[in-house]
N, C-alpha and C. Protein backbone atom coordinates (compact mmCIF):
# COMPACT_ATOMS: atom_id res chain seq x y z
N MET A 1 -14.57 -6.45 -20.40
CA MET A 1 -13.61 -6.95 -19.24
C MET A 1 -14.16 -6.97 -17.81
N PHE A 2 -15.21 -6.09 -17.53
CA PHE A 2 -15.87 -6.33 -16.29
C PHE A 2 -17.33 -6.82 -16.43
N THR A 3 -17.54 -7.29 -15.30
CA THR A 3 -18.79 -8.24 -15.35
C THR A 3 -19.58 -7.76 -14.01
N SER A 4 -20.79 -8.13 -13.96
CA SER A 4 -21.51 -7.93 -12.70
C SER A 4 -21.00 -8.56 -11.47
N SER A 5 -20.35 -9.66 -11.50
CA SER A 5 -19.31 -10.13 -10.33
C SER A 5 -18.42 -9.00 -9.77
N HIS A 6 -18.05 -8.18 -10.76
CA HIS A 6 -16.76 -7.26 -10.33
C HIS A 6 -17.29 -6.06 -9.44
N VAL A 7 -16.73 -5.79 -8.16
CA VAL A 7 -17.11 -4.55 -7.38
C VAL A 7 -17.04 -3.49 -8.01
N ILE A 8 -15.94 -3.11 -8.90
CA ILE A 8 -16.14 -1.75 -9.69
C ILE A 8 -17.30 -1.53 -10.40
N TRP A 9 -17.82 -2.65 -10.96
CA TRP A 9 -18.91 -2.73 -11.99
C TRP A 9 -20.35 -2.55 -11.21
N ASN A 10 -20.53 -2.97 -9.88
CA ASN A 10 -21.59 -2.93 -9.33
C ASN A 10 -21.71 -1.46 -8.68
N ILE A 11 -20.35 -1.03 -8.41
CA ILE A 11 -20.47 0.27 -7.77
C ILE A 11 -20.79 1.29 -8.86
N ALA A 12 -20.20 1.20 -9.94
CA ALA A 12 -20.36 2.23 -11.27
C ALA A 12 -21.87 1.87 -11.60
N PHE A 13 -22.33 0.76 -11.62
CA PHE A 13 -23.91 0.70 -11.85
C PHE A 13 -24.62 1.36 -10.95
N TRP A 14 -24.49 1.32 -9.68
CA TRP A 14 -25.50 1.89 -8.58
C TRP A 14 -25.40 3.28 -8.65
N SER A 15 -24.16 3.86 -8.85
CA SER A 15 -23.98 5.18 -8.91
C SER A 15 -24.33 5.90 -10.22
N ASP A 16 -24.77 5.14 -11.11
CA ASP A 16 -25.20 5.58 -12.61
C ASP A 16 -23.73 6.42 -13.32
N LYS A 17 -22.78 5.91 -13.00
CA LYS A 17 -21.47 6.46 -13.57
C LYS A 17 -20.61 5.26 -14.55
N GLY A 18 -21.59 4.19 -14.69
CA GLY A 18 -21.27 3.03 -15.46
C GLY A 18 -20.07 3.14 -16.24
N SER A 19 -20.36 3.48 -17.39
CA SER A 19 -19.63 3.85 -18.83
C SER A 19 -18.43 4.57 -18.39
N ASP A 20 -18.44 5.92 -17.74
CA ASP A 20 -17.47 6.73 -17.23
C ASP A 20 -16.39 5.98 -16.51
N TRP A 21 -16.76 5.46 -15.43
CA TRP A 21 -15.96 4.99 -14.40
C TRP A 21 -15.30 3.61 -15.23
N LEU A 22 -16.11 2.66 -15.46
CA LEU A 22 -15.40 1.51 -16.30
C LEU A 22 -14.31 1.68 -17.31
N THR A 23 -14.69 2.74 -18.14
CA THR A 23 -13.55 3.42 -19.23
C THR A 23 -12.55 3.92 -18.52
N HIS A 24 -12.54 4.68 -17.59
CA HIS A 24 -11.34 5.32 -16.75
C HIS A 24 -10.75 4.04 -16.24
N ALA A 25 -11.15 2.96 -15.54
CA ALA A 25 -10.58 1.90 -14.74
C ALA A 25 -9.85 1.06 -15.91
N LYS A 26 -10.47 0.97 -16.97
CA LYS A 26 -10.00 0.21 -18.05
C LYS A 26 -8.83 0.84 -18.62
N ASP A 27 -8.80 1.99 -18.75
CA ASP A 27 -7.41 2.92 -19.29
C ASP A 27 -6.46 2.92 -18.27
N LEU A 28 -6.62 2.91 -16.97
CA LEU A 28 -5.60 2.65 -15.74
C LEU A 28 -5.01 1.40 -15.99
N ILE A 29 -5.70 0.53 -16.10
CA ILE A 29 -5.40 -0.94 -16.12
C ILE A 29 -4.24 -1.26 -17.24
N ASP A 30 -4.75 -0.54 -18.61
CA ASP A 30 -3.93 -0.48 -19.75
C ASP A 30 -2.74 0.11 -19.19
N LYS A 31 -2.70 1.25 -18.93
CA LYS A 31 -1.56 2.05 -18.35
C LYS A 31 -0.50 1.41 -17.70
N TRP A 32 -1.19 0.90 -16.29
CA TRP A 32 -0.47 0.51 -15.33
C TRP A 32 0.19 -0.95 -15.96
N SER A 33 -0.63 -1.57 -16.60
CA SER A 33 0.05 -3.08 -17.18
C SER A 33 1.39 -2.92 -17.80
N ILE A 34 1.74 -1.75 -18.58
CA ILE A 34 2.98 -1.69 -19.28
C ILE A 34 3.91 -0.81 -18.21
N GLN A 35 3.64 -0.32 -17.21
CA GLN A 35 4.54 0.32 -16.49
C GLN A 35 5.28 -0.57 -15.49
N ASP A 36 6.57 -0.22 -15.10
CA ASP A 36 7.25 -0.79 -13.88
C ASP A 36 6.49 -0.35 -12.56
N SER A 37 6.80 -1.14 -11.52
CA SER A 37 6.09 -0.80 -10.34
C SER A 37 6.82 0.63 -9.69
N ASN A 38 8.05 1.11 -10.27
CA ASN A 38 8.40 2.24 -9.72
C ASN A 38 7.95 3.29 -10.42
N GLU A 39 7.35 3.04 -11.75
CA GLU A 39 6.47 4.02 -12.60
C GLU A 39 5.18 4.11 -12.20
N VAL A 40 4.36 3.35 -11.52
CA VAL A 40 3.25 3.39 -11.35
C VAL A 40 3.13 4.58 -10.39
N GLU A 41 2.12 5.67 -10.50
CA GLU A 41 2.03 6.83 -9.67
C GLU A 41 0.19 6.88 -9.71
N PHE A 42 -0.07 7.09 -8.40
CA PHE A 42 -1.43 7.23 -8.38
C PHE A 42 -1.67 9.08 -8.16
N ARG A 43 -2.42 9.45 -9.16
CA ARG A 43 -2.28 10.97 -9.43
C ARG A 43 -3.23 11.48 -8.28
N ASP A 44 -4.32 11.03 -7.90
CA ASP A 44 -5.40 11.44 -6.99
C ASP A 44 -6.03 10.37 -5.94
N THR A 45 -6.95 10.77 -5.43
CA THR A 45 -7.29 10.03 -4.42
C THR A 45 -8.50 8.91 -5.13
N TRP A 46 -9.05 9.31 -6.33
CA TRP A 46 -9.83 8.56 -7.12
C TRP A 46 -9.09 7.53 -7.58
N GLU A 47 -7.86 7.45 -8.11
CA GLU A 47 -7.06 6.54 -8.69
C GLU A 47 -6.83 5.49 -7.44
N ILE A 48 -6.74 6.06 -6.46
CA ILE A 48 -6.18 5.03 -5.43
C ILE A 48 -7.50 4.27 -4.83
N ILE A 49 -8.91 4.84 -5.14
CA ILE A 49 -9.96 4.02 -4.89
C ILE A 49 -10.05 3.16 -6.16
N ILE A 50 -10.10 3.23 -7.24
CA ILE A 50 -10.27 2.58 -8.26
C ILE A 50 -9.04 1.37 -8.26
N ALA A 51 -8.06 1.64 -7.86
CA ALA A 51 -7.05 0.72 -7.46
C ALA A 51 -7.43 -0.43 -6.47
N ALA A 52 -7.84 0.09 -5.57
CA ALA A 52 -8.81 -0.74 -4.31
C ALA A 52 -9.60 -1.68 -4.77
N TRP A 53 -10.48 -1.10 -5.69
CA TRP A 53 -11.49 -1.92 -6.05
C TRP A 53 -11.14 -2.98 -6.99
N LEU A 54 -10.07 -2.61 -7.86
CA LEU A 54 -9.59 -3.46 -8.78
C LEU A 54 -8.85 -4.48 -8.02
N LEU A 55 -8.04 -4.04 -7.04
CA LEU A 55 -7.28 -5.22 -6.09
C LEU A 55 -8.08 -6.32 -5.48
N GLU A 56 -9.45 -5.55 -5.30
CA GLU A 56 -10.56 -6.62 -4.58
C GLU A 56 -10.75 -7.71 -5.36
N ASP A 57 -10.87 -7.22 -6.90
CA ASP A 57 -11.42 -8.43 -7.70
C ASP A 57 -10.19 -9.02 -8.44
N ASP A 58 -8.82 -8.74 -7.77
CA ASP A 58 -7.69 -9.23 -8.34
C ASP A 58 -7.49 -8.73 -9.84
N LEU A 59 -8.10 -7.62 -10.27
CA LEU A 59 -7.95 -7.11 -11.70
C LEU A 59 -6.53 -6.04 -11.72
N LEU A 60 -5.91 -5.73 -10.68
CA LEU A 60 -4.97 -4.88 -10.57
C LEU A 60 -3.80 -5.60 -11.13
N PRO A 61 -2.77 -4.98 -12.05
CA PRO A 61 -1.88 -5.42 -12.74
C PRO A 61 -0.69 -5.54 -11.65
N ALA A 62 0.19 -6.41 -11.42
CA ALA A 62 1.19 -6.60 -10.71
C ALA A 62 2.09 -5.44 -10.17
N SER A 63 2.36 -4.60 -11.19
CA SER A 63 3.15 -3.79 -10.88
C SER A 63 2.45 -2.50 -10.10
N ALA A 64 1.02 -2.52 -10.20
CA ALA A 64 0.28 -1.40 -9.52
C ALA A 64 -0.01 -1.93 -8.10
N LYS A 65 0.05 -3.36 -8.03
CA LYS A 65 0.08 -3.73 -6.69
C LYS A 65 1.06 -3.77 -5.76
N ALA A 66 2.28 -3.41 -6.67
CA ALA A 66 3.40 -3.15 -5.92
C ALA A 66 3.42 -1.62 -5.24
N ALA A 67 3.05 -1.03 -6.22
CA ALA A 67 2.98 0.48 -5.92
C ALA A 67 1.93 0.70 -4.91
N PHE A 68 0.85 0.05 -4.76
CA PHE A 68 -0.37 0.02 -3.75
C PHE A 68 0.04 -0.07 -2.75
N ALA A 69 1.13 -1.50 -2.48
CA ALA A 69 1.50 -1.68 -1.29
C ALA A 69 2.55 -0.89 -0.71
N ARG A 70 3.49 -0.20 -1.50
CA ARG A 70 4.08 0.91 -1.14
C ARG A 70 3.54 2.02 -0.32
N LEU A 71 2.38 2.44 -1.28
CA LEU A 71 1.63 3.73 -0.77
C LEU A 71 1.10 3.20 0.63
N MET A 72 0.60 2.34 0.89
CA MET A 72 -0.03 1.59 2.27
C MET A 72 1.02 1.99 3.18
N LEU A 73 2.25 1.29 3.05
CA LEU A 73 3.33 1.47 3.81
C LEU A 73 3.66 3.15 4.48
N LYS A 74 3.83 3.72 2.92
CA LYS A 74 3.96 4.91 3.48
C LYS A 74 2.87 5.45 4.28
N THR A 75 1.68 5.42 4.00
CA THR A 75 0.53 5.81 4.82
C THR A 75 0.63 5.62 6.26
N ILE A 76 0.87 4.35 6.44
CA ILE A 76 1.10 3.97 7.90
C ILE A 76 2.29 4.85 8.45
N ARG A 77 3.61 4.90 7.81
CA ARG A 77 4.81 5.49 8.36
C ARG A 77 4.18 6.96 8.80
N GLU A 78 3.63 7.73 7.69
CA GLU A 78 3.32 9.10 7.70
C GLU A 78 2.22 9.50 9.03
N ALA A 79 1.36 8.22 9.12
CA ALA A 79 0.28 8.36 10.19
C ALA A 79 0.89 8.24 11.46
N THR A 80 2.00 7.34 11.63
CA THR A 80 2.75 7.14 12.81
C THR A 80 3.56 8.39 13.22
N GLU A 81 4.18 8.89 12.13
CA GLU A 81 5.10 9.96 12.49
C GLU A 81 4.02 11.21 12.89
N LYS A 82 3.09 11.19 12.20
CA LYS A 82 2.36 12.62 12.28
C LYS A 82 1.07 12.17 13.75
N LYS A 83 1.58 11.08 14.50
CA LYS A 83 0.70 10.63 15.57
C LYS A 83 -0.80 10.78 15.52
N THR A 84 -1.22 10.16 14.38
CA THR A 84 -2.71 10.29 13.82
C THR A 84 -3.36 8.90 14.43
N THR A 85 -4.51 9.30 14.75
CA THR A 85 -5.19 7.86 15.12
C THR A 85 -6.01 7.24 13.72
N LEU A 86 -5.59 6.20 13.29
CA LEU A 86 -6.39 5.66 12.25
C LEU A 86 -6.80 4.16 12.66
N ASP A 87 -8.02 4.20 13.08
CA ASP A 87 -8.53 2.69 13.47
C ASP A 87 -8.66 1.71 12.56
N CYS A 88 -8.76 2.11 11.42
CA CYS A 88 -9.01 0.82 10.36
C CYS A 88 -7.33 0.37 9.98
N LEU A 89 -6.43 1.05 10.42
CA LEU A 89 -5.08 0.40 10.25
C LEU A 89 -4.36 0.29 11.69
N HIS A 90 -5.23 0.28 12.85
CA HIS A 90 -4.65 -0.09 13.86
C HIS A 90 -3.66 0.99 14.53
N ILE A 91 -3.78 2.00 13.97
CA ILE A 91 -2.69 3.23 14.56
C ILE A 91 -3.20 4.15 15.43
N LYS A 92 -2.50 4.15 16.67
CA LYS A 92 -2.60 5.14 17.78
C LYS A 92 -1.69 5.79 18.15
N PRO A 93 -1.74 6.99 18.46
CA PRO A 93 -0.81 8.02 18.76
C PRO A 93 -0.18 7.41 20.45
N PRO A 94 1.16 7.49 20.70
CA PRO A 94 1.78 7.30 21.78
C PRO A 94 1.01 8.02 22.88
N LYS A 95 0.86 7.06 24.08
CA LYS A 95 0.18 8.07 25.29
C LYS A 95 1.09 9.34 25.62
N PRO A 96 0.58 10.40 26.02
CA PRO A 96 1.53 11.52 26.37
C PRO A 96 2.26 11.34 27.53
N GLY A 97 3.45 11.85 27.92
CA GLY A 97 4.25 11.91 29.14
C GLY A 97 5.60 10.95 28.68
N ARG A 98 6.46 11.02 29.57
CA ARG A 98 7.61 10.15 29.64
C ARG A 98 7.42 8.96 29.58
N LYS A 99 8.37 8.31 28.79
CA LYS A 99 8.31 6.74 28.41
C LYS A 99 8.99 6.29 29.50
N GLU A 100 8.76 5.32 30.19
CA GLU A 100 9.82 4.79 31.33
C GLU A 100 10.01 3.28 31.03
N ASP A 101 11.33 3.11 31.15
CA ASP A 101 11.63 1.40 31.06
C ASP A 101 11.55 0.80 32.43
N ARG A 102 10.87 0.16 32.75
CA ARG A 102 10.67 -0.73 34.01
C ARG A 102 11.67 -1.49 34.46
N ASN A 103 12.24 -2.16 33.19
CA ASN A 103 13.45 -2.95 33.23
C ASN A 103 14.50 -2.40 33.91
N VAL A 104 15.01 -1.09 33.54
CA VAL A 104 16.11 -0.54 33.79
C VAL A 104 15.81 -0.05 35.41
N ARG A 105 14.77 0.27 35.65
CA ARG A 105 14.21 0.84 37.13
C ARG A 105 14.69 -0.57 37.92
N PHE A 106 14.01 -1.84 37.63
CA PHE A 106 14.32 -2.87 38.21
C PHE A 106 15.69 -3.43 38.63
N PHE A 107 16.48 -3.09 37.51
CA PHE A 107 17.87 -3.47 37.77
C PHE A 107 18.64 -2.68 38.47
N ARG A 108 18.36 -1.34 38.70
CA ARG A 108 18.79 -0.33 39.41
C ARG A 108 18.60 -0.50 40.98
N PHE A 109 17.31 -0.96 40.92
CA PHE A 109 17.06 -1.34 42.53
C PHE A 109 17.74 -2.36 43.01
N HIS A 110 17.92 -3.62 42.20
CA HIS A 110 18.69 -4.56 42.59
C HIS A 110 20.23 -4.23 42.60
N GLU A 111 20.69 -3.54 42.08
CA GLU A 111 22.03 -2.95 42.12
C GLU A 111 22.02 -2.25 43.47
N VAL A 112 21.30 -1.55 44.15
CA VAL A 112 21.34 -0.83 45.23
C VAL A 112 21.31 -1.75 46.31
N ARG A 113 20.23 -2.60 46.10
CA ARG A 113 20.05 -3.80 47.25
C ARG A 113 21.36 -4.69 47.44
N ASN A 114 21.94 -5.07 46.20
CA ASN A 114 23.12 -5.80 46.45
C ASN A 114 24.11 -5.12 47.10
N LEU A 115 24.40 -3.76 46.62
CA LEU A 115 25.56 -3.00 47.36
C LEU A 115 25.17 -2.95 48.68
N ILE A 116 23.96 -2.55 49.21
CA ILE A 116 23.48 -2.35 50.79
C ILE A 116 23.89 -3.86 51.35
N GLN A 117 23.47 -4.92 50.92
CA GLN A 117 23.73 -6.33 51.33
C GLN A 117 25.07 -6.54 51.40
N ASP A 118 25.97 -5.94 50.45
CA ASP A 118 27.60 -6.12 50.52
C ASP A 118 28.04 -5.37 51.70
N GLY A 119 27.55 -4.54 52.35
CA GLY A 119 27.88 -3.52 53.61
C GLY A 119 27.95 -2.42 53.35
N MET A 120 27.70 -1.80 52.03
CA MET A 120 27.78 -0.51 51.82
C MET A 120 26.61 0.31 52.59
N THR A 121 26.78 1.53 52.73
CA THR A 121 25.66 2.24 53.48
C THR A 121 24.62 2.56 52.34
N ALA A 122 23.35 2.95 52.68
CA ALA A 122 22.39 3.20 51.62
C ALA A 122 22.82 4.36 50.83
N THR A 123 23.10 5.53 51.34
CA THR A 123 23.62 6.79 50.60
C THR A 123 24.88 6.71 49.65
N GLU A 124 25.64 5.46 50.29
CA GLU A 124 26.91 5.36 48.94
C GLU A 124 26.43 4.63 47.89
N ALA A 125 25.45 3.65 48.42
CA ALA A 125 25.02 2.79 47.22
C ALA A 125 24.29 3.55 46.20
N TYR A 126 23.50 4.66 46.81
CA TYR A 126 22.56 5.29 45.70
C TYR A 126 23.54 6.37 45.01
N LYS A 127 24.39 6.67 45.65
CA LYS A 127 25.51 7.43 44.90
C LYS A 127 26.27 6.46 43.80
N VAL A 128 26.63 5.40 44.15
CA VAL A 128 27.42 4.68 43.24
C VAL A 128 26.45 4.28 41.88
N VAL A 129 25.28 3.88 41.95
CA VAL A 129 24.46 3.54 41.06
C VAL A 129 23.92 4.55 40.41
N ALA A 130 23.81 5.79 40.92
CA ALA A 130 23.46 6.90 40.12
C ALA A 130 24.38 7.44 39.17
N GLU A 131 25.80 7.52 39.57
CA GLU A 131 26.70 7.76 38.76
C GLU A 131 26.87 6.82 37.43
N LYS A 132 26.70 5.58 37.92
CA LYS A 132 26.63 4.57 36.82
C LYS A 132 25.64 4.75 35.71
N HIS A 133 24.49 5.27 36.02
CA HIS A 133 23.25 5.29 35.30
C HIS A 133 22.97 6.79 34.89
N PHE A 134 23.82 7.70 35.32
CA PHE A 134 23.53 9.04 34.89
C PHE A 134 22.34 9.60 35.43
N LYS A 135 22.13 9.37 36.73
CA LYS A 135 20.88 9.77 37.25
C LYS A 135 21.26 10.65 38.69
N SER A 136 20.39 11.12 39.20
CA SER A 136 20.55 11.95 40.43
C SER A 136 20.68 10.73 41.60
N GLN A 137 21.15 11.37 42.76
CA GLN A 137 21.26 10.40 43.87
C GLN A 137 19.87 10.38 44.39
N ASP A 138 19.15 11.33 44.40
CA ASP A 138 17.76 11.33 44.94
C ASP A 138 16.65 10.74 44.20
N THR A 139 16.86 10.63 42.92
CA THR A 139 16.20 9.67 41.91
C THR A 139 16.23 8.37 42.17
N ILE A 140 17.54 7.92 42.35
CA ILE A 140 17.76 6.43 42.59
C ILE A 140 17.32 6.16 44.09
N ARG A 141 17.48 6.91 45.03
CA ARG A 141 16.78 6.96 46.17
C ARG A 141 15.24 6.55 46.31
N ARG A 142 14.49 7.69 45.71
CA ARG A 142 13.18 7.56 45.47
C ARG A 142 12.69 6.31 44.95
N GLU A 143 13.41 5.97 43.64
CA GLU A 143 12.73 4.62 43.03
C GLU A 143 13.23 3.46 43.85
N TYR A 144 14.23 3.21 44.62
CA TYR A 144 14.57 2.30 45.32
C TYR A 144 13.19 2.30 46.60
N GLU A 145 13.12 3.23 47.31
CA GLU A 145 12.36 3.43 48.54
C GLU A 145 10.74 3.08 48.00
N ARG A 146 10.37 3.49 46.55
CA ARG A 146 9.03 3.33 46.30
C ARG A 146 9.17 1.61 46.15
N MET A 147 10.19 1.30 45.27
CA MET A 147 9.99 -0.26 45.12
C MET A 147 9.86 -1.14 46.45
N LEU A 148 10.82 -0.67 47.36
CA LEU A 148 10.78 -1.47 48.76
C LEU A 148 9.14 -1.33 49.12
N LYS A 149 8.61 -0.19 49.30
CA LYS A 149 7.45 0.02 49.60
C LYS A 149 6.38 -0.92 49.16
N LYS A 150 6.55 -0.89 47.68
CA LYS A 150 5.46 -1.64 47.04
C LYS A 150 5.70 -3.43 47.35
N TYR A 151 7.05 -3.70 47.39
CA TYR A 151 7.54 -5.02 47.98
C TYR A 151 6.94 -5.43 49.18
N PHE A 152 6.93 -4.59 50.23
CA PHE A 152 6.65 -4.94 51.34
C PHE A 152 5.11 -5.05 51.47
N LYS A 153 4.20 -3.93 50.60
CA LYS A 153 3.07 -4.10 50.62
C LYS A 153 2.39 -5.25 50.05
N ARG A 154 2.84 -5.85 48.89
CA ARG A 154 2.60 -7.10 48.17
C ARG A 154 2.72 -8.38 49.23
N LYS A 155 3.92 -8.29 50.00
CA LYS A 155 4.32 -9.19 50.66
C LYS A 155 3.31 -9.31 51.94
N GLN A 156 2.84 -8.35 52.35
CA GLN A 156 1.73 -8.17 53.54
C GLN A 156 0.50 -8.69 52.92
N ASP A 157 -0.01 -8.27 51.66
CA ASP A 157 -1.19 -8.82 51.01
C ASP A 157 -0.98 -10.36 50.62
N GLY A 158 -0.03 -10.89 50.78
CA GLY A 158 0.03 -12.28 50.33
C GLY A 158 0.54 -12.48 48.83
N GLU A 159 0.68 -11.36 48.05
CA GLU A 159 0.90 -11.34 46.66
C GLU A 159 2.04 -11.96 45.96
N ASN A 160 3.26 -12.16 47.00
CA ASN A 160 4.48 -12.60 46.62
C ASN A 160 4.85 -14.06 46.95
N ASP A 161 3.42 -14.60 47.47
CA ASP A 161 3.92 -15.94 47.79
C ASP A 161 3.76 -16.93 46.52
């Protein structure tokens, strides 16, 4: 069943475990071939490694391929939930701190600016926008003043042209 062109055969040959590993792999192929994809279960890490080698050579039965795919998706979900770094799967934990939505802040800025341009005082505008977005009046004021400061600095530096 296995030849020297197969990954599992080469690894088994070079590790002096040839007949044991290949027999075990053949037994797993036979077992997984008659099982439905929902019945295939990888009992330990060793079976997952064997399945990966078989998959690399396209010897893994279709039901085991589906089970292997589900296992990978479950691994990705678990690593993401546990905020683990797995470089090979391109999973990185989120950066610490509060996550801000800059779009919402931008819209709040424009709401305040529009209210002020419509003749409302700045304090009244802060209060209206704060109530609308369930924020404190001081938060809205600070955001507005910071964004104005950045705007004027960029304009002075010629970045808004």
